[in-house]
Structures are given as C-alpha cells and as structure tokens.
Amino acid sequence: MSRIVSSLAGRIRVRDKGLRDRERMDRLKSELSQITAVANFQDNVRTGSLLVYFDRNAVKLQAMEAKIESALDKIIGEAPKSEALLTKKNINRYNKILMLASLAASLLALTQARRRVSD
C-alpha cells in the first residue's frame, strides 16, 4: 500500500502515521533534500503529511514517486502490503455505501408507487 496519497507533475503528497514524529519527518526531509530535483517541502507533523515540490522538467513523476517511496522505506520502514477488510474505517465506509444504496432503493420505490397512483 502506497503512502503517496496524491501526485501531480511538480508535487507529491505523502502521508504516514510515522511522520507524526518530528525527528522522522526531519530525517525524511533531509533524505529527500539530496535529490537534486526537490525544490521545497511543506510538512504537517500533526497529520503526518509531507508535500514535496520538485522540478517536473528534471525528473518524471513515476521516478520521483519511486525515490520518495524508497526514502520512506529507509526512514520509517516498509509500508503494510494490504489493509485488513474489517477495520473501523472500512466498516464505517461499508455502512455509508449501504445507507446510500438503501436511500436510492427507497426513492425508486416511492417514484414507482406515485406512478401507479396517478395512472
């Protein structure tokens, strides 16, 4: 599972709980500073998020993502390969999807009932 949560040409956002530690965040920034294409950082230790700005003409996006993942593995350790299906987050997500599906089915049934009454 990637810790890169968004990427565009010129910037990549990384998020990991391990980056909530100031020392780790600083070590990661130091490691990434050695990449010549990296221009600037914007970090948020409270959320464990790091936005990396880089020269998109100097390096391709996929190559930069690979370099960032490698630096993360070195500083924090390898990311977990997959997320368990029944975590609190996923159960909440499944419940919301089911509620929306139930709402859609109820609205569809209501419109069908109104059509029958008006005919």
Protein backbone atom coordinates (compact mmCIF):
# COMPACT_ATOMS: atom_id res chain seq x y z
CA MET A 1 0.00 0.00 0.00
CA SER A 2 1.47 3.32 -1.05
CA ARG A 3 1.90 6.19 1.35
CA ILE A 4 1.69 8.62 -1.55
CA VAL A 5 -1.83 10.00 -1.31
CA SER A 6 -1.72 12.38 -4.27
CA SER A 7 0.69 13.23 -7.03
CA LEU A 8 0.75 15.81 -9.76
CA ALA A 9 3.55 16.97 -12.00
CA GLY A 10 5.68 19.09 -9.70
CA ARG A 11 4.34 17.94 -6.33
CA ILE A 12 3.68 14.78 -4.36
CA ARG A 13 1.87 14.45 -1.02
CA VAL A 14 2.95 11.72 1.37
CA ARG A 15 1.02 10.70 4.49
CA ASP A 16 2.06 8.20 7.15
CA LYS A 17 1.48 7.93 10.91
CA GLY A 18 5.23 7.53 11.33
CA LEU A 19 5.71 11.10 10.13
CA ARG A 20 3.88 12.43 13.20
CA ASP A 21 7.26 12.22 14.90
CA ARG A 22 9.28 15.43 14.26
CA GLU A 23 12.60 13.56 14.20
CA ARG A 24 11.41 11.15 11.49
CA MET A 25 9.91 13.99 9.48
CA ASP A 26 13.20 15.90 9.60
CA ARG A 27 15.18 12.79 8.64
CA LEU A 28 12.87 12.21 5.67
CA LYS A 29 13.21 15.82 4.55
CA SER A 30 16.98 15.55 4.88
CA GLU A 31 16.99 12.36 2.81
CA LEU A 32 14.77 13.87 0.11
CA SER A 33 16.85 17.06 0.02
CA GLN A 34 19.66 15.01 -1.50
CA ILE A 35 17.56 14.53 -4.65
CA THR A 36 18.55 17.37 -6.98
CA ALA A 37 15.04 17.85 -8.42
CA VAL A 38 13.47 18.53 -5.00
CA ALA A 39 12.78 22.24 -4.58
CA ASN A 40 10.80 22.66 -1.35
CA PHE A 41 8.72 20.97 1.36
CA GLN A 42 5.58 21.74 3.30
CA ASP A 43 5.16 19.49 6.32
CA ASN A 44 2.48 18.95 8.92
CA VAL A 45 3.69 16.79 11.79
CA ARG A 46 0.26 16.79 13.43
CA THR A 47 -1.25 14.91 10.46
CA GLY A 48 1.91 13.08 9.36
CA SER A 49 1.79 14.72 5.96
CA LEU A 50 4.60 16.00 3.74
CA LEU A 51 4.13 17.86 0.47
CA VAL A 52 7.21 17.60 -1.75
CA TYR A 53 7.67 20.18 -4.50
CA PHE A 54 10.06 19.21 -7.30
CA ASP A 55 11.15 20.31 -10.76
CA ARG A 56 8.90 18.35 -13.08
CA ASN A 57 11.22 19.02 -16.03
CA ALA A 58 14.18 17.41 -14.25
CA VAL A 59 12.54 14.10 -13.30
CA LYS A 60 9.48 12.10 -14.34
CA LEU A 61 6.63 11.73 -11.87
CA GLN A 62 6.93 7.94 -11.62
CA ALA A 63 10.68 8.15 -10.96
CA MET A 64 10.11 10.75 -8.24
CA GLU A 65 7.41 8.59 -6.63
CA ALA A 66 9.82 5.65 -6.55
CA LYS A 67 12.54 7.77 -4.94
CA ILE A 68 10.13 9.04 -2.28
CA GLU A 69 8.86 5.52 -1.53
CA SER A 70 12.45 4.33 -1.21
CA ALA A 71 13.27 7.15 1.22
CA LEU A 72 10.13 6.37 3.25
CA ASP A 73 11.10 2.70 3.46
CA LYS A 74 14.54 3.70 4.66
CA ILE A 75 13.33 6.16 7.34
CA ILE A 76 10.06 4.61 8.52
CA GLY A 77 10.16 1.03 7.28
CA GLU A 78 8.19 -0.74 4.62
CA ALA A 79 4.51 0.08 4.27
CA PRO A 80 2.00 -2.64 5.11
CA LYS A 81 1.11 -4.62 2.00
CA SER A 82 -2.65 -4.61 2.43
CA GLU A 83 -5.25 -3.23 4.76
CA ALA A 84 -7.50 -5.60 6.66
CA LEU A 85 -11.06 -5.69 5.34
CA LEU A 86 -12.76 -5.26 8.71
CA THR A 87 -11.13 -2.21 10.23
CA LYS A 88 -13.24 0.52 11.86
CA LYS A 89 -12.57 2.76 8.88
CA ASN A 90 -13.69 0.15 6.36
CA ILE A 91 -16.77 -0.88 8.35
CA ASN A 92 -17.82 2.76 8.50
CA ARG A 93 -17.24 3.09 4.74
CA TYR A 94 -19.31 -0.04 4.01
CA ASN A 95 -22.15 1.23 6.22
CA LYS A 96 -22.25 4.55 4.36
CA ILE A 97 -22.37 2.79 1.00
CA LEU A 98 -25.21 0.56 2.18
CA MET A 99 -27.14 3.56 3.54
CA LEU A 100 -26.83 5.35 0.19
CA ALA A 101 -27.95 2.23 -1.67
CA SER A 102 -30.91 1.88 0.68
CA LEU A 103 -31.86 5.52 0.15
CA ALA A 104 -31.69 5.11 -3.63
CA ALA A 105 -33.88 1.98 -3.48
CA SER A 106 -36.43 3.77 -1.25
CA LEU A 107 -36.62 6.75 -3.61
CA LEU A 108 -37.04 4.47 -6.60
CA ALA A 109 -39.85 2.56 -4.86
CA LEU A 110 -41.54 5.85 -3.93
CA THR A 111 -41.49 7.13 -7.52
CA GLN A 112 -42.87 3.79 -8.78
CA ALA A 113 -45.68 3.94 -6.22
CA ARG A 114 -46.58 7.50 -7.26
CA ARG A 115 -46.72 6.48 -10.93
CA ARG A 116 -49.16 3.67 -10.14
CA VAL A 117 -51.43 6.00 -8.13
CA SER A 118 -51.51 8.64 -10.88
CA ASP A 119 -52.37 6.08 -13.63
